[in-house]
Amino acid sequence: MEEGPDAYRILRLRAEILELGSAIRQLQREGLDDAAAQLLIVRKRAQLDHLVKTNPEGRRLNTTDIRRS
């Protein structure tokens, strides 16, 4: 089965969210401000939720819950 552009966008957003989660944890460990990264991750999660809910392709992907980053 060939994946379309929305499937690619979903996978890319998931990867970006995972990277942001890692960056946030590192900032917190170092005692630095993570507000900008927190805001960005919320926006990325909203984009991902929208793509998954509006695309049949998104529902078929293995979209493990990545909210606990």
C-alpha atoms as a PDB file:
ATOM      1  CA  MET A   1       0.000   0.000   0.000  1.00  0.00           C
ATOM      2  CA  GLU A   2       1.355   3.397  -0.982  1.00  0.00           C
ATOM      3  CA  GLU A   3       1.259   6.158   1.608  1.00  0.00           C
ATOM      4  CA  GLY A   4       0.073   9.605   0.554  1.00  0.00           C
ATOM      5  CA  PRO A   5       1.346  13.040   1.488  1.00  0.00           C
ATOM      6  CA  ASP A   6      -0.881  13.208   4.565  1.00  0.00           C
ATOM      7  CA  ALA A   7       0.560   9.962   5.890  1.00  0.00           C
ATOM      8  CA  TYR A   8       4.027  11.413   5.422  1.00  0.00           C
ATOM      9  CA  ARG A   9       3.002  14.616   7.239  1.00  0.00           C
ATOM     10  CA  ILE A  10       1.618  12.560  10.134  1.00  0.00           C
ATOM     11  CA  LEU A  11       4.835  10.582  10.471  1.00  0.00           C
ATOM     12  CA  ARG A  12       6.923  13.755  10.208  1.00  0.00           C
ATOM     13  CA  LEU A  13       4.863  15.492  12.913  1.00  0.00           C
ATOM     14  CA  ARG A  14       5.229  12.470  15.193  1.00  0.00           C
ATOM     15  CA  ALA A  15       9.012  12.619  14.770  1.00  0.00           C
ATOM     16  CA  GLU A  16       9.081  16.368  15.445  1.00  0.00           C
ATOM     17  CA  ILE A  17       6.998  15.926  18.590  1.00  0.00           C
ATOM     18  CA  LEU A  18       9.345  13.242  19.871  1.00  0.00           C
ATOM     19  CA  GLU A  19      12.348  15.494  19.236  1.00  0.00           C
ATOM     20  CA  LEU A  20      10.666  18.406  20.999  1.00  0.00           C
ATOM     21  CA  GLY A  21       9.856  16.196  23.972  1.00  0.00           C
ATOM     22  CA  SER A  22      13.502  15.263  24.223  1.00  0.00           C
ATOM     23  CA  ALA A  23      14.576  18.914  23.960  1.00  0.00           C
ATOM     24  CA  ILE A  24      12.092  19.902  26.675  1.00  0.00           C
ATOM     25  CA  ARG A  25      13.396  17.235  29.041  1.00  0.00           C
ATOM     26  CA  GLN A  26      16.965  18.391  28.417  1.00  0.00           C
ATOM     27  CA  LEU A  27      16.059  22.044  29.037  1.00  0.00           C
ATOM     28  CA  GLN A  28      14.291  21.089  32.260  1.00  0.00           C
ATOM     29  CA  ARG A  29      17.282  19.054  33.452  1.00  0.00           C
ATOM     30  CA  GLU A  30      19.527  22.046  32.877  1.00  0.00           C
ATOM     31  CA  GLY A  31      17.105  24.410  34.611  1.00  0.00           C
ATOM     32  CA  LEU A  32      16.465  26.477  31.492  1.00  0.00           C
ATOM     33  CA  ASP A  33      13.233  28.022  30.225  1.00  0.00           C
ATOM     34  CA  ASP A  34      11.270  25.573  28.091  1.00  0.00           C
ATOM     35  CA  ALA A  35       8.173  27.706  27.477  1.00  0.00           C
ATOM     36  CA  ALA A  36       8.790  28.197  23.750  1.00  0.00           C
ATOM     37  CA  ALA A  37       9.364  24.484  23.212  1.00  0.00           C
ATOM     38  CA  GLN A  38       6.248  23.659  25.258  1.00  0.00           C
ATOM     39  CA  LEU A  39       4.155  25.983  23.087  1.00  0.00           C
ATOM     40  CA  LEU A  40       5.580  24.504  19.901  1.00  0.00           C
ATOM     41  CA  ILE A  41       4.882  20.946  21.015  1.00  0.00           C
ATOM     42  CA  VAL A  42       1.260  21.855  21.824  1.00  0.00           C
ATOM     43  CA  ARG A  43       0.849  23.291  18.328  1.00  0.00           C
ATOM     44  CA  LYS A  44       2.435  20.238  16.697  1.00  0.00           C
ATOM     45  CA  ARG A  45       0.156  17.918  18.690  1.00  0.00           C
ATOM     46  CA  ALA A  46      -2.888  19.912  17.560  1.00  0.00           C
ATOM     47  CA  GLN A  47      -1.764  19.618  13.943  1.00  0.00           C
ATOM     48  CA  LEU A  48      -1.265  15.887  14.370  1.00  0.00           C
ATOM     49  CA  ASP A  49      -4.678  15.422  15.998  1.00  0.00           C
ATOM     50  CA  HIS A  50      -6.320  17.321  13.151  1.00  0.00           C
ATOM     51  CA  LEU A  51      -4.559  15.283  10.459  1.00  0.00           C
ATOM     52  CA  VAL A  52      -5.376  11.968  12.097  1.00  0.00           C
ATOM     53  CA  LYS A  53      -9.031  12.881  12.635  1.00  0.00           C
ATOM     54  CA  THR A  54      -9.626  14.248   9.138  1.00  0.00           C
ATOM     55  CA  ASN A  55      -7.792  11.651   7.053  1.00  0.00           C
ATOM     56  CA  PRO A  56      -8.683   7.997   6.604  1.00  0.00           C
ATOM     57  CA  GLU A  57      -4.963   7.397   5.971  1.00  0.00           C
ATOM     58  CA  GLY A  58      -4.177   8.764   9.411  1.00  0.00           C
ATOM     59  CA  ARG A  59      -6.558   6.355  11.077  1.00  0.00           C
ATOM     60  CA  ARG A  60      -4.863   3.395   9.428  1.00  0.00           C
ATOM     61  CA  LEU A  61      -1.375   4.378  10.591  1.00  0.00           C
ATOM     62  CA  ASN A  62      -0.051   3.040  13.837  1.00  0.00           C
ATOM     63  CA  THR A  63      -0.424   6.305  15.728  1.00  0.00           C
ATOM     64  CA  THR A  64       0.844   5.483  19.168  1.00  0.00           C
ATOM     65  CA  ASP A  65      -0.119   8.110  21.708  1.00  0.00           C
ATOM     66  CA  ILE A  66       2.898  10.379  22.043  1.00  0.00           C
ATOM     67  CA  ARG A  67       1.356  12.885  24.399  1.00  0.00           C
ATOM     68  CA  ARG A  68       3.521  11.704  27.278  1.00  0.00           C
ATOM     69  CA  SER A  69       6.783  13.128  26.016  1.00  0.00           C
END
